[in-house]
Structures are given as C-alpha cells and as structure tokens.
PDB file of all heavy atoms in Angstrom:
ATOM      1  N   GLY A   1      27.325  -2.348  12.515  1.00  0.00           N
ATOM      2  CA  GLY A   1      26.313  -3.160  13.182  1.00  0.00           C
ATOM      3  C   GLY A   1      24.951  -3.088  12.525  1.00  0.00           C
ATOM      4  O   GLY A   1      24.030  -3.816  12.907  1.00  0.00           O
ATOM      5  N   GLY A   2      24.795  -2.236  11.503  1.00  0.00           N
ATOM      6  CA  GLY A   2      23.514  -2.087  10.817  1.00  0.00           C
ATOM      7  C   GLY A   2      23.297  -3.158   9.774  1.00  0.00           C
ATOM      8  O   GLY A   2      24.169  -3.985   9.491  1.00  0.00           O
ATOM      9  N   CYS A   3      22.112  -3.129   9.174  1.00  0.00           N
ATOM     10  CA  CYS A   3      21.720  -4.183   8.239  1.00  0.00           C
ATOM     11  C   CYS A   3      21.124  -3.570   6.968  1.00  0.00           C
ATOM     12  O   CYS A   3      20.339  -2.613   7.017  1.00  0.00           O
ATOM     13  CB  CYS A   3      20.696  -5.102   8.891  1.00  0.00           C
ATOM     14  SG  CYS A   3      20.070  -6.401   7.791  1.00  0.00           S
ATOM     15  N   VAL A   4      21.521  -4.123   5.841  1.00  0.00           N
ATOM     16  CA  VAL A   4      20.946  -3.782   4.537  1.00  0.00           C
ATOM     17  C   VAL A   4      20.288  -5.040   3.989  1.00  0.00           C
ATOM     18  O   VAL A   4      20.859  -6.136   4.077  1.00  0.00           O
ATOM     19  CB  VAL A   4      22.015  -3.268   3.560  1.00  0.00           C
ATOM     20  CG1 VAL A   4      21.414  -3.021   2.174  1.00  0.00           C
ATOM     21  CG2 VAL A   4      22.653  -1.984   4.079  1.00  0.00           C
ATOM     22  N   GLU A   5      19.107  -4.896   3.436  1.00  0.00           N
ATOM     23  CA  GLU A   5      18.385  -6.045   2.901  1.00  0.00           C
ATOM     24  C   GLU A   5      18.139  -5.828   1.414  1.00  0.00           C
ATOM     25  O   GLU A   5      17.703  -4.751   0.990  1.00  0.00           O
ATOM     26  CB  GLU A   5      17.043  -6.205   3.624  1.00  0.00           C
ATOM     27  CG  GLU A   5      16.269  -7.449   3.223  1.00  0.00           C
ATOM     28  CD  GLU A   5      14.981  -7.602   4.022  1.00  0.00           C
ATOM     29  OE1 GLU A   5      14.758  -6.797   4.952  1.00  0.00           O
ATOM     30  OE2 GLU A   5      14.200  -8.524   3.708  1.00  0.00           O
ATOM     31  N   VAL A   6      18.457  -6.835   0.600  1.00  0.00           N
ATOM     32  CA  VAL A   6      18.223  -6.771  -0.834  1.00  0.00           C
ATOM     33  C   VAL A   6      17.403  -7.998  -1.221  1.00  0.00           C
ATOM     34  O   VAL A   6      17.633  -9.104  -0.732  1.00  0.00           O
ATOM     35  CB  VAL A   6      19.545  -6.713  -1.623  1.00  0.00           C
ATOM     36  CG1 VAL A   6      20.441  -7.905  -1.301  1.00  0.00           C
ATOM     37  CG2 VAL A   6      19.286  -6.646  -3.121  1.00  0.00           C
ATOM     38  N   GLY A   7      16.425  -7.789  -2.084  1.00  0.00           N
ATOM     39  CA  GLY A   7      15.593  -8.929  -2.455  1.00  0.00           C
ATOM     40  C   GLY A   7      14.646  -8.567  -3.582  1.00  0.00           C
ATOM     41  O   GLY A   7      14.758  -7.528  -4.230  1.00  0.00           O
ATOM     42  N   ALA A   8      13.700  -9.466  -3.820  1.00  0.00           N
ATOM     43  CA  ALA A   8      12.706  -9.273  -4.872  1.00  0.00           C
ATOM     44  C   ALA A   8      11.436 -10.001  -4.479  1.00  0.00           C
ATOM     45  O   ALA A   8      11.479 -11.017  -3.765  1.00  0.00           O
ATOM     46  CB  ALA A   8      13.226  -9.783  -6.214  1.00  0.00           C
ATOM     47  N   VAL A   9      10.316  -9.494  -4.922  1.00  0.00           N
ATOM     48  CA  VAL A   9       9.022 -10.129  -4.677  1.00  0.00           C
ATOM     49  C   VAL A   9       8.219 -10.097  -5.967  1.00  0.00           C
ATOM     50  O   VAL A   9       8.426  -9.217  -6.814  1.00  0.00           O
ATOM     51  CB  VAL A   9       8.227  -9.418  -3.557  1.00  0.00           C
ATOM     52  CG1 VAL A   9       8.927  -9.561  -2.215  1.00  0.00           C
ATOM     53  CG2 VAL A   9       8.010  -7.947  -3.894  1.00  0.00           C
ATOM     54  N   ARG A  10       7.330 -11.034  -6.090  1.00  0.00           N
ATOM     55  CA  ARG A  10       6.444 -11.032  -7.260  1.00  0.00           C
ATOM     56  C   ARG A  10       5.371  -9.970  -7.059  1.00  0.00           C
ATOM     57  O   ARG A  10       4.788  -9.859  -5.986  1.00  0.00           O
ATOM     58  CB  ARG A  10       5.825 -12.406  -7.449  1.00  0.00           C
ATOM     59  CG  ARG A  10       5.042 -12.541  -8.743  1.00  0.00           C
ATOM     60  CD  ARG A  10       4.847 -13.981  -9.129  1.00  0.00           C
ATOM     61  NE  ARG A  10       4.286 -14.098 -10.461  1.00  0.00           N
ATOM     62  CZ  ARG A  10       4.295 -15.216 -11.174  1.00  0.00           C
ATOM     63  NH1 ARG A  10       4.867 -16.304 -10.666  1.00  0.00           N
ATOM     64  NH2 ARG A  10       3.768 -15.259 -12.375  1.00  0.00           N
ATOM     65  N   ASP A  11       5.130  -9.172  -8.106  1.00  0.00           N
ATOM     66  CA  ASP A  11       4.148  -8.089  -8.038  1.00  0.00           C
ATOM     67  C   ASP A  11       3.264  -8.191  -9.271  1.00  0.00           C
ATOM     68  O   ASP A  11       3.517  -7.572 -10.294  1.00  0.00           O
ATOM     69  CB  ASP A  11       4.876  -6.739  -7.983  1.00  0.00           C
ATOM     70  CG  ASP A  11       3.926  -5.585  -7.718  1.00  0.00           C
ATOM     71  OD1 ASP A  11       2.719  -5.832  -7.583  1.00  0.00           O
ATOM     72  OD2 ASP A  11       4.396  -4.438  -7.644  1.00  0.00           O
ATOM     73  N   GLY A  12       2.205  -9.003  -9.168  1.00  0.00           N
ATOM     74  CA  GLY A  12       1.340  -9.240 -10.317  1.00  0.00           C
ATOM     75  C   GLY A  12       2.092  -9.978 -11.404  1.00  0.00           C
ATOM     76  O   GLY A  12       2.669 -11.040 -11.168  1.00  0.00           O
ATOM     77  N   ALA A  13       2.136  -9.394 -12.586  1.00  0.00           N
ATOM     78  CA  ALA A  13       2.855 -10.010 -13.707  1.00  0.00           C
ATOM     79  C   ALA A  13       4.313  -9.586 -13.748  1.00  0.00           C
ATOM     80  O   ALA A  13       5.019  -9.921 -14.699  1.00  0.00           O
ATOM     81  CB  ALA A  13       2.170  -9.634 -15.020  1.00  0.00           C
ATOM     82  N   MET A  14       4.769  -8.865 -12.712  1.00  0.00           N
ATOM     83  CA  MET A  14       6.139  -8.349 -12.708  1.00  0.00           C
ATOM     84  C   MET A  14       6.878  -8.825 -11.462  1.00  0.00           C
ATOM     85  O   MET A  14       6.286  -9.439 -10.573  1.00  0.00           O
ATOM     86  CB  MET A  14       6.114  -6.810 -12.750  1.00  0.00           C
ATOM     87  CG  MET A  14       5.328  -6.231 -13.912  1.00  0.00           C
ATOM     88  SD  MET A  14       5.243  -4.436 -13.871  1.00  0.00           S
ATOM     89  CE  MET A  14       6.935  -4.054 -14.317  1.00  0.00           C
ATOM     90  N   VAL A  15       8.173  -8.540 -11.422  1.00  0.00           N
ATOM     91  CA  VAL A  15       8.991  -8.793 -10.247  1.00  0.00           C
ATOM     92  C   VAL A  15       9.554  -7.452  -9.773  1.00  0.00           C
ATOM     93  O   VAL A  15      10.104  -6.698 -10.575  1.00  0.00           O
ATOM     94  CB  VAL A  15      10.142  -9.783 -10.548  1.00  0.00           C
ATOM     95  CG1 VAL A  15      11.125  -9.833  -9.384  1.00  0.00           C
ATOM     96  CG2 VAL A  15       9.580 -11.164 -10.823  1.00  0.00           C
ATOM     97  N   ARG A  16       9.384  -7.167  -8.504  1.00  0.00           N
ATOM     98  CA  ARG A  16       9.853  -5.895  -7.953  1.00  0.00           C
ATOM     99  C   ARG A  16      11.084  -6.148  -7.096  1.00  0.00           C
ATOM    100  O   ARG A  16      11.029  -6.883  -6.115  1.00  0.00           O
ATOM    101  CB  ARG A  16       8.742  -5.240  -7.117  1.00  0.00           C
ATOM    102  CG  ARG A  16       9.181  -3.940  -6.438  1.00  0.00           C
ATOM    103  CD  ARG A  16       7.973  -3.165  -5.919  1.00  0.00           C
ATOM    104  NE  ARG A  16       7.130  -3.987  -5.070  1.00  0.00           N
ATOM    105  CZ  ARG A  16       7.316  -4.151  -3.753  1.00  0.00           C
ATOM    106  NH1 ARG A  16       8.349  -3.565  -3.152  1.00  0.00           N
ATOM    107  NH2 ARG A  16       6.503  -4.896  -3.037  1.00  0.00           N
ATOM    108  N   PHE A  17      12.206  -5.517  -7.472  1.00  0.00           N
ATOM    109  CA  PHE A  17      13.431  -5.579  -6.680  1.00  0.00           C
ATOM    110  C   PHE A  17      13.382  -4.487  -5.612  1.00  0.00           C
ATOM    111  O   PHE A  17      12.770  -3.439  -5.817  1.00  0.00           O
ATOM    112  CB  PHE A  17      14.671  -5.364  -7.560  1.00  0.00           C
ATOM    113  CG  PHE A  17      14.933  -6.472  -8.535  1.00  0.00           C
ATOM    114  CD1 PHE A  17      14.362  -6.466  -9.793  1.00  0.00           C
ATOM    115  CD2 PHE A  17      15.769  -7.521  -8.190  1.00  0.00           C
ATOM    116  CE1 PHE A  17      14.608  -7.492 -10.701  1.00  0.00           C
ATOM    117  CE2 PHE A  17      16.032  -8.551  -9.087  1.00  0.00           C
ATOM    118  CZ  PHE A  17      15.445  -8.533 -10.344  1.00  0.00           C
ATOM    119  N   PHE A  18      14.042  -4.722  -4.492  1.00  0.00           N
ATOM    120  CA  PHE A  18      14.072  -3.694  -3.453  1.00  0.00           C
ATOM    121  C   PHE A  18      15.400  -3.741  -2.712  1.00  0.00           C
ATOM    122  O   PHE A  18      16.060  -4.781  -2.625  1.00  0.00           O
ATOM    123  CB  PHE A  18      12.908  -3.853  -2.466  1.00  0.00           C
ATOM    124  CG  PHE A  18      12.945  -5.130  -1.664  1.00  0.00           C
ATOM    125  CD1 PHE A  18      13.652  -5.204  -0.466  1.00  0.00           C
ATOM    126  CD2 PHE A  18      12.274  -6.265  -2.105  1.00  0.00           C
ATOM    127  CE1 PHE A  18      13.698  -6.383   0.269  1.00  0.00           C
ATOM    128  CE2 PHE A  18      12.317  -7.441  -1.379  1.00  0.00           C
ATOM    129  CZ  PHE A  18      13.020  -7.502  -0.184  1.00  0.00           C
ATOM    130  N   VAL A  19      15.791  -2.593  -2.197  1.00  0.00           N
ATOM    131  CA  VAL A  19      16.942  -2.454  -1.307  1.00  0.00           C
ATOM    132  C   VAL A  19      16.497  -1.568  -0.163  1.00  0.00           C
ATOM    133  O   VAL A  19      15.969  -0.477  -0.392  1.00  0.00           O
ATOM    134  CB  VAL A  19      18.153  -1.817  -2.021  1.00  0.00           C
ATOM    135  CG1 VAL A  19      19.307  -1.605  -1.045  1.00  0.00           C
ATOM    136  CG2 VAL A  19      18.607  -2.679  -3.196  1.00  0.00           C
ATOM    137  N   GLN A  20      16.669  -2.034   1.064  1.00  0.00           N
ATOM    138  CA  GLN A  20      16.278  -1.225   2.227  1.00  0.00           C
ATOM    139  C   GLN A  20      17.306  -1.416   3.334  1.00  0.00           C
ATOM    140  O   GLN A  20      18.045  -2.401   3.351  1.00  0.00           O
ATOM    141  CB  GLN A  20      14.879  -1.605   2.710  1.00  0.00           C
ATOM    142  CG  GLN A  20      14.709  -3.049   3.114  1.00  0.00           C
ATOM    143  CD  GLN A  20      13.253  -3.413   3.345  1.00  0.00           C
ATOM    144  OE1 GLN A  20      12.353  -2.861   2.710  1.00  0.00           O
ATOM    145  NE2 GLN A  20      13.009  -4.342   4.252  1.00  0.00           N
ATOM    146  N   ASP A  21      17.375  -0.437   4.229  1.00  0.00           N
ATOM    147  CA  ASP A  21      18.375  -0.513   5.296  1.00  0.00           C
ATOM    148  C   ASP A  21      17.812   0.110   6.567  1.00  0.00           C
ATOM    149  O   ASP A  21      16.754   0.740   6.551  1.00  0.00           O
ATOM    150  CB  ASP A  21      19.659   0.214   4.875  1.00  0.00           C
ATOM    151  CG  ASP A  21      19.427   1.692   4.595  1.00  0.00           C
ATOM    152  OD1 ASP A  21      19.257   2.453   5.566  1.00  0.00           O
ATOM    153  OD2 ASP A  21      19.414   2.077   3.411  1.00  0.00           O
ATOM    154  N   ASP A  22      18.528  -0.087   7.658  1.00  0.00           N
ATOM    155  CA  ASP A  22      18.111   0.490   8.935  1.00  0.00           C
ATOM    156  C   ASP A  22      19.050   1.628   9.335  1.00  0.00           C
ATOM    157  O   ASP A  22      19.312   1.862  10.514  1.00  0.00           O
ATOM    158  CB  ASP A  22      18.062  -0.576  10.033  1.00  0.00           C
ATOM    159  CG  ASP A  22      19.400  -1.282  10.224  1.00  0.00           C
ATOM    160  OD1 ASP A  22      20.394  -0.874   9.573  1.00  0.00           O
ATOM    161  OD2 ASP A  22      19.457  -2.240  11.016  1.00  0.00           O
ATOM    162  N   GLY A  23      19.570   2.337   8.301  1.00  0.00           N
ATOM    163  CA  GLY A  23      20.470   3.462   8.549  1.00  0.00           C
ATOM    164  C   GLY A  23      19.728   4.699   9.003  1.00  0.00           C
ATOM    165  O   GLY A  23      18.580   4.638   9.477  1.00  0.00           O
ATOM    166  N   ILE A  24      20.362   5.853   8.819  1.00  0.00           N
ATOM    167  CA  ILE A  24      19.822   7.084   9.380  1.00  0.00           C
ATOM    168  C   ILE A  24      18.691   7.669   8.553  1.00  0.00           C
ATOM    169  O   ILE A  24      18.022   8.600   8.998  1.00  0.00           O
ATOM    170  CB  ILE A  24      20.938   8.132   9.530  1.00  0.00           C
ATOM    171  CG1 ILE A  24      21.618   8.367   8.179  1.00  0.00           C
ATOM    172  CG2 ILE A  24      21.957   7.678  10.557  1.00  0.00           C
ATOM    173  CD1 ILE A  24      22.742   9.368   8.234  1.00  0.00           C
ATOM    174  N   GLY A  25      18.456   7.161   7.333  1.00  0.00           N
ATOM    175  CA  GLY A  25      17.318   7.601   6.542  1.00  0.00           C
ATOM    176  C   GLY A  25      17.522   8.943   5.867  1.00  0.00           C
ATOM    177  O   GLY A  25      18.561   9.587   6.003  1.00  0.00           O
ATOM    178  N   ILE A  26      16.506   9.353   5.138  1.00  0.00           N
ATOM    179  CA  ILE A  26      16.545  10.614   4.387  1.00  0.00           C
ATOM    180  C   ILE A  26      15.300  11.410   4.741  1.00  0.00           C
ATOM    181  O   ILE A  26      14.177  10.903   4.652  1.00  0.00           O
ATOM    182  CB  ILE A  26      16.582  10.360   2.863  1.00  0.00           C
ATOM    183  CG1 ILE A  26      17.780   9.479   2.494  1.00  0.00           C
ATOM    184  CG2 ILE A  26      16.631  11.664   2.091  1.00  0.00           C
ATOM    185  CD1 ILE A  26      17.740   8.967   1.079  1.00  0.00           C
ATOM    186  N   ALA A  27      15.492  12.660   5.146  1.00  0.00           N
ATOM    187  CA  ALA A  27      14.355  13.511   5.506  1.00  0.00           C
ATOM    188  C   ALA A  27      13.428  13.676   4.304  1.00  0.00           C
ATOM    189  O   ALA A  27      13.863  13.694   3.151  1.00  0.00           O
ATOM    190  CB  ALA A  27      14.855  14.877   5.973  1.00  0.00           C
ATOM    191  N   ALA A  28      12.131  13.799   4.576  1.00  0.00           N
ATOM    192  CA  ALA A  28      11.129  13.877   3.513  1.00  0.00           C
ATOM    193  C   ALA A  28      11.393  15.023   2.552  1.00  0.00           C
ATOM    194  O   ALA A  28      11.217  14.893   1.335  1.00  0.00           O
ATOM    195  CB  ALA A  28       9.733  14.015   4.130  1.00  0.00           C
ATOM    196  N   GLU A  29      11.865  16.168   3.078  1.00  0.00           N
ATOM    197  CA  GLU A  29      12.085  17.323   2.197  1.00  0.00           C
ATOM    198  C   GLU A  29      13.275  17.131   1.264  1.00  0.00           C
ATOM    199  O   GLU A  29      13.406  17.818   0.254  1.00  0.00           O
ATOM    200  CB  GLU A  29      12.288  18.604   3.024  1.00  0.00           C
ATOM    201  CG  GLU A  29      13.522  18.602   3.915  1.00  0.00           C
ATOM    202  CD  GLU A  29      13.236  18.081   5.319  1.00  0.00           C
ATOM    203  OE1 GLU A  29      12.231  17.348   5.486  1.00  0.00           O
ATOM    204  OE2 GLU A  29      13.994  18.428   6.240  1.00  0.00           O
ATOM    205  N   HIS A  30      14.163  16.180   1.591  1.00  0.00           N
ATOM    206  CA  HIS A  30      15.325  15.927   0.736  1.00  0.00           C
ATOM    207  C   HIS A  30      15.077  14.818  -0.283  1.00  0.00           C
ATOM    208  O   HIS A  30      15.847  14.693  -1.238  1.00  0.00           O
ATOM    209  CB  HIS A  30      16.533  15.543   1.592  1.00  0.00           C
ATOM    210  CG  HIS A  30      17.035  16.659   2.455  1.00  0.00           C
ATOM    211  ND1 HIS A  30      17.653  16.443   3.665  1.00  0.00           N
ATOM    212  CD2 HIS A  30      16.995  18.003   2.297  1.00  0.00           C
ATOM    213  CE1 HIS A  30      17.970  17.595   4.214  1.00  0.00           C
ATOM    214  NE2 HIS A  30      17.589  18.562   3.393  1.00  0.00           N
ATOM    215  N   GLN A  31      14.045  14.030  -0.088  1.00  0.00           N
ATOM    216  CA  GLN A  31      13.836  12.866  -0.950  1.00  0.00           C
ATOM    217  C   GLN A  31      13.647  13.203  -2.429  1.00  0.00           C
ATOM    218  O   GLN A  31      14.131  12.465  -3.296  1.00  0.00           O
ATOM    219  CB  GLN A  31      12.659  12.042  -0.422  1.00  0.00           C
ATOM    220  CG  GLN A  31      12.976  11.352   0.887  1.00  0.00           C
ATOM    221  CD  GLN A  31      11.797  10.595   1.473  1.00  0.00           C
ATOM    222  OE1 GLN A  31      10.795  10.369   0.803  1.00  0.00           O
ATOM    223  NE2 GLN A  31      11.917  10.213   2.741  1.00  0.00           N
ATOM    224  N   PRO A  32      12.970  14.318  -2.795  1.00  0.00           N
ATOM    225  CA  PRO A  32      12.836  14.621  -4.229  1.00  0.00           C
ATOM    226  C   PRO A  32      14.168  14.922  -4.921  1.00  0.00           C
ATOM    227  O   PRO A  32      14.248  14.889  -6.150  1.00  0.00           O
ATOM    228  CB  PRO A  32      11.923  15.852  -4.244  1.00  0.00           C
ATOM    229  CG  PRO A  32      11.197  15.825  -2.941  1.00  0.00           C
ATOM    230  CD  PRO A  32      12.168  15.238  -1.965  1.00  0.00           C
ATOM    231  N   MET A  33      15.235  15.206  -4.163  1.00  0.00           N
ATOM    232  CA  MET A  33      16.495  15.636  -4.758  1.00  0.00           C
ATOM    233  C   MET A  33      17.525  14.521  -4.887  1.00  0.00           C
ATOM    234  O   MET A  33      18.549  14.713  -5.542  1.00  0.00           O
ATOM    235  CB  MET A  33      17.108  16.766  -3.919  1.00  0.00           C
ATOM    236  CG  MET A  33      16.220  17.997  -3.774  1.00  0.00           C
ATOM    237  SD  MET A  33      17.033  19.310  -2.826  1.00  0.00           S
ATOM    238  CE  MET A  33      17.079  18.584  -1.187  1.00  0.00           C
ATOM    239  N   ILE A  34      17.287  13.375  -4.274  1.00  0.00           N
ATOM    240  CA  ILE A  34      18.365  12.397  -4.148  1.00  0.00           C
ATOM    241  C   ILE A  34      18.767  11.762  -5.474  1.00  0.00           C
ATOM    242  O   ILE A  34      19.859  11.206  -5.582  1.00  0.00           O
ATOM    243  CB  ILE A  34      17.998  11.281  -3.136  1.00  0.00           C
ATOM    244  CG1 ILE A  34      16.784  10.497  -3.623  1.00  0.00           C
ATOM    245  CG2 ILE A  34      17.767  11.868  -1.750  1.00  0.00           C
ATOM    246  CD1 ILE A  34      16.453   9.306  -2.745  1.00  0.00           C
ATOM    247  N   PHE A  35      17.915  11.831  -6.501  1.00  0.00           N
ATOM    248  CA  PHE A  35      18.254  11.226  -7.782  1.00  0.00           C
ATOM    249  C   PHE A  35      18.856  12.233  -8.757  1.00  0.00           C
ATOM    250  O   PHE A  35      19.066  11.906  -9.925  1.00  0.00           O
ATOM    251  CB  PHE A  35      17.027  10.562  -8.403  1.00  0.00           C
ATOM    252  CG  PHE A  35      16.632   9.288  -7.708  1.00  0.00           C
ATOM    253  CD1 PHE A  35      15.621   9.283  -6.761  1.00  0.00           C
ATOM    254  CD2 PHE A  35      17.289   8.092  -7.968  1.00  0.00           C
ATOM    255  CE1 PHE A  35      15.258   8.123  -6.100  1.00  0.00           C
ATOM    256  CE2 PHE A  35      16.935   6.922  -7.323  1.00  0.00           C
ATOM    257  CZ  PHE A  35      15.924   6.941  -6.382  1.00  0.00           C
ATOM    258  N   GLU A  36      19.131  13.465  -8.287  1.00  0.00           N
ATOM    259  CA  GLU A  36      19.788  14.452  -9.135  1.00  0.00           C
ATOM    260  C   GLU A  36      21.309  14.233  -9.107  1.00  0.00           C
ATOM    261  O   GLU A  36      21.882  13.916  -8.071  1.00  0.00           O
ATOM    262  CB  GLU A  36      19.464  15.865  -8.661  1.00  0.00           C
ATOM    263  CG  GLU A  36      17.984  16.209  -8.720  1.00  0.00           C
ATOM    264  CD  GLU A  36      17.429  16.158 -10.128  1.00  0.00           C
ATOM    265  OE1 GLU A  36      18.173  16.519 -11.059  1.00  0.00           O
ATOM    266  OE2 GLU A  36      16.264  15.741 -10.306  1.00  0.00           O
TER     267      GLU A  36
END
C-alpha cells in the first residue's frame, strides 16, 4: 500500500534525479553506513 516516487527536476544548469518513498526510513545514525 506504500508509494515510491521517481523523477527529475532542473537544478540550475543540471538535472537532479531523485527517488523517495514513504517506507519506514533509515535512522540518522545508520545513514552514513548505507552506501558501504
């Protein structure tokens, strides 16, 4: 029943892609580790 949103917006001379969701999220203390 949740939702994921994918899109892009113009950001100055660039285009910024984004992915966001309304899931359970990631605690702030864990965020530095998620790309390991």
